[in-house]
């Protein structure tokens, strides 16, 4: 399975695509993952990039995973407008997946608007929903001692990124998506070693940085 991930830091922090690859391969499905991301940018930004068009039209992907701005979430119309334009660019042979993100740690009530927007885009485009944000809050409630957030209260911790990958992987493979199975998968994916040469999100002198 050849996958393209389009998104921002909520895709590249702790390398969600690498964890999705590991999850799928542990279930017997080989994955080739390609990632096009940029910090703070949404799907509307990706629509202005030549590499987006080239990859969608000529990349021969089996699936593309879309992830929009999250903090702050720009609203339903922003997601629908950009998402439908990207869906129109996506060949019929490429399946569309929507990576629903999570609201800020101090803004749990914000998840409702985000969830409804992703659900609406899935309905309008026929895309498969990867309900990370919904499962995120369920896991947070069921396992209050676990930390899903990075220190900024917006990005994911290692466990949070692993949970994202578990939900996406299960959606890709058509497997059951429940709070406890995704949590168990995330605890396993949390152990995944990555190449030490890869850069990742760090807190340096009180500010977010990449190192």
C-alpha atoms as a PDB file:
ATOM      1  CA  UNK A   1       0.000   0.000   0.000  1.00  0.00           C
ATOM      2  CA  UNK A   2       1.470   3.349  -1.073  1.00  0.00           C
ATOM      3  CA  UNK A   3       0.268   6.249   1.104  1.00  0.00           C
ATOM      4  CA  UNK A   4       0.621  10.024   0.873  1.00  0.00           C
ATOM      5  CA  UNK A   5       0.244  12.087   4.063  1.00  0.00           C
ATOM      6  CA  UNK A   6      -0.642  15.773   3.586  1.00  0.00           C
ATOM      7  CA  UNK A   7      -0.688  17.899   6.717  1.00  0.00           C
ATOM      8  CA  UNK A   8       1.342  19.904   9.194  1.00  0.00           C
ATOM      9  CA  UNK A   9       3.083  19.364  12.540  1.00  0.00           C
ATOM     10  CA  UNK A  10       0.300  17.112  13.808  1.00  0.00           C
ATOM     11  CA  UNK A  11       1.358  14.676  11.101  1.00  0.00           C
ATOM     12  CA  UNK A  12       5.155  15.034  11.361  1.00  0.00           C
ATOM     13  CA  UNK A  13       5.658  15.383  15.146  1.00  0.00           C
ATOM     14  CA  UNK A  14       6.883  11.985  16.352  1.00  0.00           C
ATOM     15  CA  UNK A  15       6.371  10.834  12.756  1.00  0.00           C
ATOM     16  CA  UNK A  16       2.804   9.602  12.622  1.00  0.00           C
ATOM     17  CA  UNK A  17       3.331   8.128   9.095  1.00  0.00           C
ATOM     18  CA  UNK A  18       6.194   5.934  10.357  1.00  0.00           C
ATOM     19  CA  UNK A  19       3.965   4.647  13.153  1.00  0.00           C
ATOM     20  CA  UNK A  20       1.110   3.998  10.723  1.00  0.00           C
ATOM     21  CA  UNK A  21       3.540   2.033   8.562  1.00  0.00           C
ATOM     22  CA  UNK A  22       4.646  -0.032  11.569  1.00  0.00           C
ATOM     23  CA  UNK A  23       1.048  -0.710  12.611  1.00  0.00           C
ATOM     24  CA  UNK A  24      -0.047  -1.841   9.155  1.00  0.00           C
ATOM     25  CA  UNK A  25       3.005  -4.014   8.653  1.00  0.00           C
ATOM     26  CA  UNK A  26       2.398  -5.682  12.022  1.00  0.00           C
ATOM     27  CA  UNK A  27      -0.963  -6.707  10.537  1.00  0.00           C
ATOM     28  CA  UNK A  28       0.580  -8.089   7.354  1.00  0.00           C
ATOM     29  CA  UNK A  29       0.086  -5.028   5.115  1.00  0.00           C
ATOM     30  CA  UNK A  30       3.328  -3.574   3.689  1.00  0.00           C
ATOM     31  CA  UNK A  31       3.275   0.224   3.420  1.00  0.00           C
ATOM     32  CA  UNK A  32       5.317   2.759   1.480  1.00  0.00           C
ATOM     33  CA  UNK A  33       4.747   6.133   3.178  1.00  0.00           C
ATOM     34  CA  UNK A  34       5.362   9.583   1.680  1.00  0.00           C
ATOM     35  CA  UNK A  35       4.935  12.720   3.818  1.00  0.00           C
ATOM     36  CA  UNK A  36       4.356  16.311   2.618  1.00  0.00           C
ATOM     37  CA  UNK A  37       4.011  18.604   5.638  1.00  0.00           C
ATOM     38  CA  UNK A  38       4.779  22.142   6.760  1.00  0.00           C
ATOM     39  CA  UNK A  39       4.449  23.648  10.248  1.00  0.00           C
ATOM     40  CA  UNK A  40       1.223  25.551  10.862  1.00  0.00           C
ATOM     41  CA  UNK A  41      -0.128  25.109   7.349  1.00  0.00           C
ATOM     42  CA  UNK A  42      -3.490  23.692   6.350  1.00  0.00           C
ATOM     43  CA  UNK A  43      -4.900  21.960   3.314  1.00  0.00           C
ATOM     44  CA  UNK A  44      -5.538  25.343   1.661  1.00  0.00           C
ATOM     45  CA  UNK A  45      -1.760  25.937   1.730  1.00  0.00           C
ATOM     46  CA  UNK A  46      -1.096  22.511   0.204  1.00  0.00           C
ATOM     47  CA  UNK A  47      -3.402  23.460  -2.672  1.00  0.00           C
ATOM     48  CA  UNK A  48      -0.897  26.193  -3.620  1.00  0.00           C
ATOM     49  CA  UNK A  49       2.119  23.858  -3.735  1.00  0.00           C
ATOM     50  CA  UNK A  50       3.295  22.228  -6.956  1.00  0.00           C
ATOM     51  CA  UNK A  51       4.415  19.080  -5.139  1.00  0.00           C
ATOM     52  CA  UNK A  52       0.828  18.498  -3.989  1.00  0.00           C
ATOM     53  CA  UNK A  53      -0.475  18.433  -7.547  1.00  0.00           C
ATOM     54  CA  UNK A  54       2.380  16.302  -8.849  1.00  0.00           C
ATOM     55  CA  UNK A  55       2.056  13.726  -6.073  1.00  0.00           C
ATOM     56  CA  UNK A  56      -1.714  13.451  -6.282  1.00  0.00           C
ATOM     57  CA  UNK A  57      -1.871  13.260 -10.076  1.00  0.00           C
ATOM     58  CA  UNK A  58       1.284  11.255 -10.850  1.00  0.00           C
ATOM     59  CA  UNK A  59       2.186   9.531  -7.582  1.00  0.00           C
ATOM     60  CA  UNK A  60       0.054   6.413  -8.105  1.00  0.00           C
ATOM     61  CA  UNK A  61      -0.939   6.314  -4.433  1.00  0.00           C
ATOM     62  CA  UNK A  62      -3.346   3.782  -3.019  1.00  0.00           C
ATOM     63  CA  UNK A  63      -4.434   6.280  -0.382  1.00  0.00           C
ATOM     64  CA  UNK A  64      -3.972   9.894   0.688  1.00  0.00           C
ATOM     65  CA  UNK A  65      -4.384  11.016   4.317  1.00  0.00           C
ATOM     66  CA  UNK A  66      -5.492  14.651   4.728  1.00  0.00           C
ATOM     67  CA  UNK A  67      -4.956  16.717   7.903  1.00  0.00           C
ATOM     68  CA  UNK A  68      -6.022  20.386   8.228  1.00  0.00           C
ATOM     69  CA  UNK A  69      -5.128  23.164  10.674  1.00  0.00           C
ATOM     70  CA  UNK A  70      -6.050  22.347  14.257  1.00  0.00           C
ATOM     71  CA  UNK A  71      -4.871  25.020  16.716  1.00  0.00           C
ATOM     72  CA  UNK A  72      -6.790  27.128  16.157  1.00  0.00           C
ATOM     73  CA  UNK A  73      -9.214  25.156  14.022  1.00  0.00           C
ATOM     74  CA  UNK A  74     -10.303  27.534  11.216  1.00  0.00           C
ATOM     75  CA  UNK A  75     -13.802  26.106  11.028  1.00  0.00           C
ATOM     76  CA  UNK A  76     -16.011  23.816   8.990  1.00  0.00           C
ATOM     77  CA  UNK A  77     -16.135  25.893   5.803  1.00  0.00           C
ATOM     78  CA  UNK A  78     -12.340  26.134   5.634  1.00  0.00           C
ATOM     79  CA  UNK A  79     -12.003  22.359   5.896  1.00  0.00           C
ATOM     80  CA  UNK A  80     -14.836  21.655   3.444  1.00  0.00           C
ATOM     81  CA  UNK A  81     -13.546  24.090   0.817  1.00  0.00           C
ATOM     82  CA  UNK A  82      -9.953  22.827   0.813  1.00  0.00           C
ATOM     83  CA  UNK A  83     -10.902  19.194   1.374  1.00  0.00           C
ATOM     84  CA  UNK A  84     -13.304  19.071  -1.558  1.00  0.00           C
ATOM     85  CA  UNK A  85     -10.750  20.708  -3.860  1.00  0.00           C
ATOM     86  CA  UNK A  86      -8.150  18.115  -2.899  1.00  0.00           C
ATOM     87  CA  UNK A  87     -10.693  15.339  -3.322  1.00  0.00           C
ATOM     88  CA  UNK A  88     -11.377  16.581  -6.857  1.00  0.00           C
ATOM     89  CA  UNK A  89      -7.642  16.338  -7.629  1.00  0.00           C
ATOM     90  CA  UNK A  90      -7.361  12.827  -6.238  1.00  0.00           C
ATOM     91  CA  UNK A  91      -7.601  10.043  -8.869  1.00  0.00           C
ATOM     92  CA  UNK A  92     -10.469   7.580  -8.513  1.00  0.00           C
ATOM     93  CA  UNK A  93      -7.899   4.825  -7.915  1.00  0.00           C
ATOM     94  CA  UNK A  94      -6.645   6.628  -4.786  1.00  0.00           C
ATOM     95  CA  UNK A  95      -8.732   6.309  -1.620  1.00  0.00           C
ATOM     96  CA  UNK A  96      -9.202   9.407   0.516  1.00  0.00           C
ATOM     97  CA  UNK A  97      -8.726   9.305   4.315  1.00  0.00           C
ATOM     98  CA  UNK A  98      -9.418  12.176   6.718  1.00  0.00           C
ATOM     99  CA  UNK A  99      -7.170  12.543   9.766  1.00  0.00           C
ATOM    100  CA  UNK A 100      -9.432  14.224  12.329  1.00  0.00           C
ATOM    101  CA  UNK A 101      -7.249  16.054  14.840  1.00  0.00           C
ATOM    102  CA  UNK A 102      -7.936  16.985  18.487  1.00  0.00           C
ATOM    103  CA  UNK A 103      -8.712  20.281  20.179  1.00  0.00           C
ATOM    104  CA  UNK A 104      -6.329  21.993  22.600  1.00  0.00           C
ATOM    105  CA  UNK A 105      -5.861  20.535  26.072  1.00  0.00           C
ATOM    106  CA  UNK A 106      -7.569  23.587  27.608  1.00  0.00           C
ATOM    107  CA  UNK A 107     -10.364  23.519  25.030  1.00  0.00           C
ATOM    108  CA  UNK A 108     -12.109  20.117  25.184  1.00  0.00           C
ATOM    109  CA  UNK A 109     -15.390  21.680  24.081  1.00  0.00           C
ATOM    110  CA  UNK A 110     -13.712  22.664  20.806  1.00  0.00           C
ATOM    111  CA  UNK A 111     -13.631  19.029  19.709  1.00  0.00           C
ATOM    112  CA  UNK A 112     -17.315  19.059  18.769  1.00  0.00           C
ATOM    113  CA  UNK A 113     -16.887  21.579  15.948  1.00  0.00           C
ATOM    114  CA  UNK A 114     -13.808  19.790  14.638  1.00  0.00           C
ATOM    115  CA  UNK A 115     -15.508  16.399  14.721  1.00  0.00           C
ATOM    116  CA  UNK A 116     -18.624  17.664  12.954  1.00  0.00           C
ATOM    117  CA  UNK A 117     -16.541  19.330  10.239  1.00  0.00           C
ATOM    118  CA  UNK A 118     -14.536  16.189   9.452  1.00  0.00           C
ATOM    119  CA  UNK A 119     -17.684  14.084   9.488  1.00  0.00           C
ATOM    120  CA  UNK A 120     -19.320  16.484   7.027  1.00  0.00           C
ATOM    121  CA  UNK A 121     -16.323  16.346   4.673  1.00  0.00           C
ATOM    122  CA  UNK A 122     -16.303  12.555   4.818  1.00  0.00           C
ATOM    123  CA  UNK A 123     -19.992  12.469   3.929  1.00  0.00           C
ATOM    124  CA  UNK A 124     -19.600  14.908   1.040  1.00  0.00           C
ATOM    125  CA  UNK A 125     -16.521  13.280  -0.495  1.00  0.00           C
ATOM    126  CA  UNK A 126     -17.016   9.611   0.349  1.00  0.00           C
ATOM    127  CA  UNK A 127     -13.704   9.647   2.227  1.00  0.00           C
ATOM    128  CA  UNK A 128     -12.909   7.272   5.095  1.00  0.00           C
ATOM    129  CA  UNK A 129     -12.859   9.062   8.446  1.00  0.00           C
ATOM    130  CA  UNK A 130      -9.949   8.464  10.818  1.00  0.00           C
ATOM    131  CA  UNK A 131     -11.593   9.748  14.037  1.00  0.00           C
ATOM    132  CA  UNK A 132      -8.410  10.480  15.993  1.00  0.00           C
ATOM    133  CA  UNK A 133      -9.816  13.491  17.844  1.00  0.00           C
ATOM    134  CA  UNK A 134     -12.885  11.636  19.031  1.00  0.00           C
ATOM    135  CA  UNK A 135     -10.856   8.654  20.257  1.00  0.00           C
ATOM    136  CA  UNK A 136      -8.262  11.020  21.768  1.00  0.00           C
ATOM    137  CA  UNK A 137     -10.726  12.459  24.262  1.00  0.00           C
ATOM    138  CA  UNK A 138     -12.179   9.035  25.039  1.00  0.00           C
ATOM    139  CA  UNK A 139      -8.698   7.734  25.880  1.00  0.00           C
ATOM    140  CA  UNK A 140      -7.928  10.861  27.924  1.00  0.00           C
ATOM    141  CA  UNK A 141     -11.070  10.251  29.985  1.00  0.00           C
ATOM    142  CA  UNK A 142     -10.501   6.504  30.366  1.00  0.00           C
ATOM    143  CA  UNK A 143      -6.776   6.859  31.225  1.00  0.00           C
ATOM    144  CA  UNK A 144      -6.367  10.195  33.064  1.00  0.00           C
ATOM    145  CA  UNK A 145      -2.837   9.341  34.208  1.00  0.00           C
ATOM    146  CA  UNK A 146      -1.613   9.175  30.606  1.00  0.00           C
ATOM    147  CA  UNK A 147      -0.366  12.306  28.822  1.00  0.00           C
ATOM    148  CA  UNK A 148      -1.413  12.611  25.190  1.00  0.00           C
ATOM    149  CA  UNK A 149      -0.148  16.190  24.782  1.00  0.00           C
ATOM    150  CA  UNK A 150       3.276  17.719  24.309  1.00  0.00           C
ATOM    151  CA  UNK A 151       4.169  20.382  26.875  1.00  0.00           C
ATOM    152  CA  UNK A 152       2.464  23.123  24.810  1.00  0.00           C
ATOM    153  CA  UNK A 153      -0.952  21.523  25.269  1.00  0.00           C
ATOM    154  CA  UNK A 154      -1.511  21.383  21.501  1.00  0.00           C
ATOM    155  CA  UNK A 155       0.898  18.964  19.837  1.00  0.00           C
ATOM    156  CA  UNK A 156       0.998  15.277  20.640  1.00  0.00           C
ATOM    157  CA  UNK A 157       3.225  13.479  23.076  1.00  0.00           C
ATOM    158  CA  UNK A 158       4.874  10.294  21.878  1.00  0.00           C
ATOM    159  CA  UNK A 159       1.825   8.408  23.144  1.00  0.00           C
ATOM    160  CA  UNK A 160      -0.506  10.878  21.448  1.00  0.00           C
ATOM    161  CA  UNK A 161       1.222  10.437  18.091  1.00  0.00           C
ATOM    162  CA  UNK A 162       1.101   6.681  18.580  1.00  0.00           C
ATOM    163  CA  UNK A 163      -2.625   6.883  19.281  1.00  0.00           C
ATOM    164  CA  UNK A 164      -3.105   8.914  16.091  1.00  0.00           C
ATOM    165  CA  UNK A 165      -1.246   6.252  14.125  1.00  0.00           C
ATOM    166  CA  UNK A 166      -3.268   3.449  15.692  1.00  0.00           C
ATOM    167  CA  UNK A 167      -6.575   5.052  14.724  1.00  0.00           C
ATOM    168  CA  UNK A 168      -5.382   5.857  11.200  1.00  0.00           C
ATOM    169  CA  UNK A 169      -3.924   2.375  10.763  1.00  0.00           C
ATOM    170  CA  UNK A 170      -7.147   0.742  11.877  1.00  0.00           C
ATOM    171  CA  UNK A 171      -9.152   2.923   9.485  1.00  0.00           C
ATOM    172  CA  UNK A 172      -6.803   2.029   6.626  1.00  0.00           C
ATOM    173  CA  UNK A 173      -7.182  -1.687   7.290  1.00  0.00           C
ATOM    174  CA  UNK A 174     -10.907  -1.568   8.055  1.00  0.00           C
ATOM    175  CA  UNK A 175     -10.402  -2.767  11.622  1.00  0.00           C
ATOM    176  CA  UNK A 176     -12.496  -2.039  14.700  1.00  0.00           C
ATOM    177  CA  UNK A 177     -11.880   1.382  16.244  1.00  0.00           C
ATOM    178  CA  UNK A 178     -12.640   1.499  19.959  1.00  0.00           C
ATOM    179  CA  UNK A 179     -11.091   3.316  22.899  1.00  0.00           C
ATOM    180  CA  UNK A 180      -9.360   0.335  24.446  1.00  0.00           C
ATOM    181  CA  UNK A 181      -8.037  -1.373  21.315  1.00  0.00           C
ATOM    182  CA  UNK A 182      -6.593   1.916  20.070  1.00  0.00           C
ATOM    183  CA  UNK A 183      -5.049   2.631  23.462  1.00  0.00           C
ATOM    184  CA  UNK A 184      -3.453  -0.821  23.547  1.00  0.00           C
ATOM    185  CA  UNK A 185      -2.087  -0.320  20.014  1.00  0.00           C
ATOM    186  CA  UNK A 186      -0.739   3.116  20.979  1.00  0.00           C
ATOM    187  CA  UNK A 187       1.161   1.693  23.947  1.00  0.00           C
ATOM    188  CA  UNK A 188       2.898  -0.720  21.572  1.00  0.00           C
ATOM    189  CA  UNK A 189       3.608   1.915  18.903  1.00  0.00           C
ATOM    190  CA  UNK A 190       5.036   4.187  21.606  1.00  0.00           C
ATOM    191  CA  UNK A 191       7.982   1.763  21.782  1.00  0.00           C
ATOM    192  CA  UNK A 192       8.842   2.122  18.090  1.00  0.00           C
ATOM    193  CA  UNK A 193      12.493   3.160  17.577  1.00  0.00           C
ATOM    194  CA  UNK A 194      13.066   5.716  14.816  1.00  0.00           C
ATOM    195  CA  UNK A 195      16.238   6.695  12.979  1.00  0.00           C
ATOM    196  CA  UNK A 196      18.253   9.003  15.237  1.00  0.00           C
ATOM    197  CA  UNK A 197      19.022  11.282  12.282  1.00  0.00           C
ATOM    198  CA  UNK A 198      15.371  12.368  12.056  1.00  0.00           C
ATOM    199  CA  UNK A 199      14.483  15.729  13.624  1.00  0.00           C
ATOM    200  CA  UNK A 200      11.495  16.131  15.927  1.00  0.00           C
ATOM    201  CA  UNK A 201       9.711  18.672  18.115  1.00  0.00           C
ATOM    202  CA  UNK A 202      11.559  19.843  21.234  1.00  0.00           C
ATOM    203  CA  UNK A 203      11.155  22.565  23.841  1.00  0.00           C
ATOM    204  CA  UNK A 204      14.255  24.791  23.864  1.00  0.00           C
ATOM    205  CA  UNK A 205      14.548  27.796  26.202  1.00  0.00           C
ATOM    206  CA  UNK A 206      10.800  27.743  26.657  1.00  0.00           C
ATOM    207  CA  UNK A 207      10.068  27.811  22.903  1.00  0.00           C
ATOM    208  CA  UNK A 208       9.084  25.117  20.430  1.00  0.00           C
ATOM    209  CA  UNK A 209      11.853  24.112  18.040  1.00  0.00           C
ATOM    210  CA  UNK A 210      12.960  21.257  15.823  1.00  0.00           C
ATOM    211  CA  UNK A 211      16.086  19.266  16.627  1.00  0.00           C
END
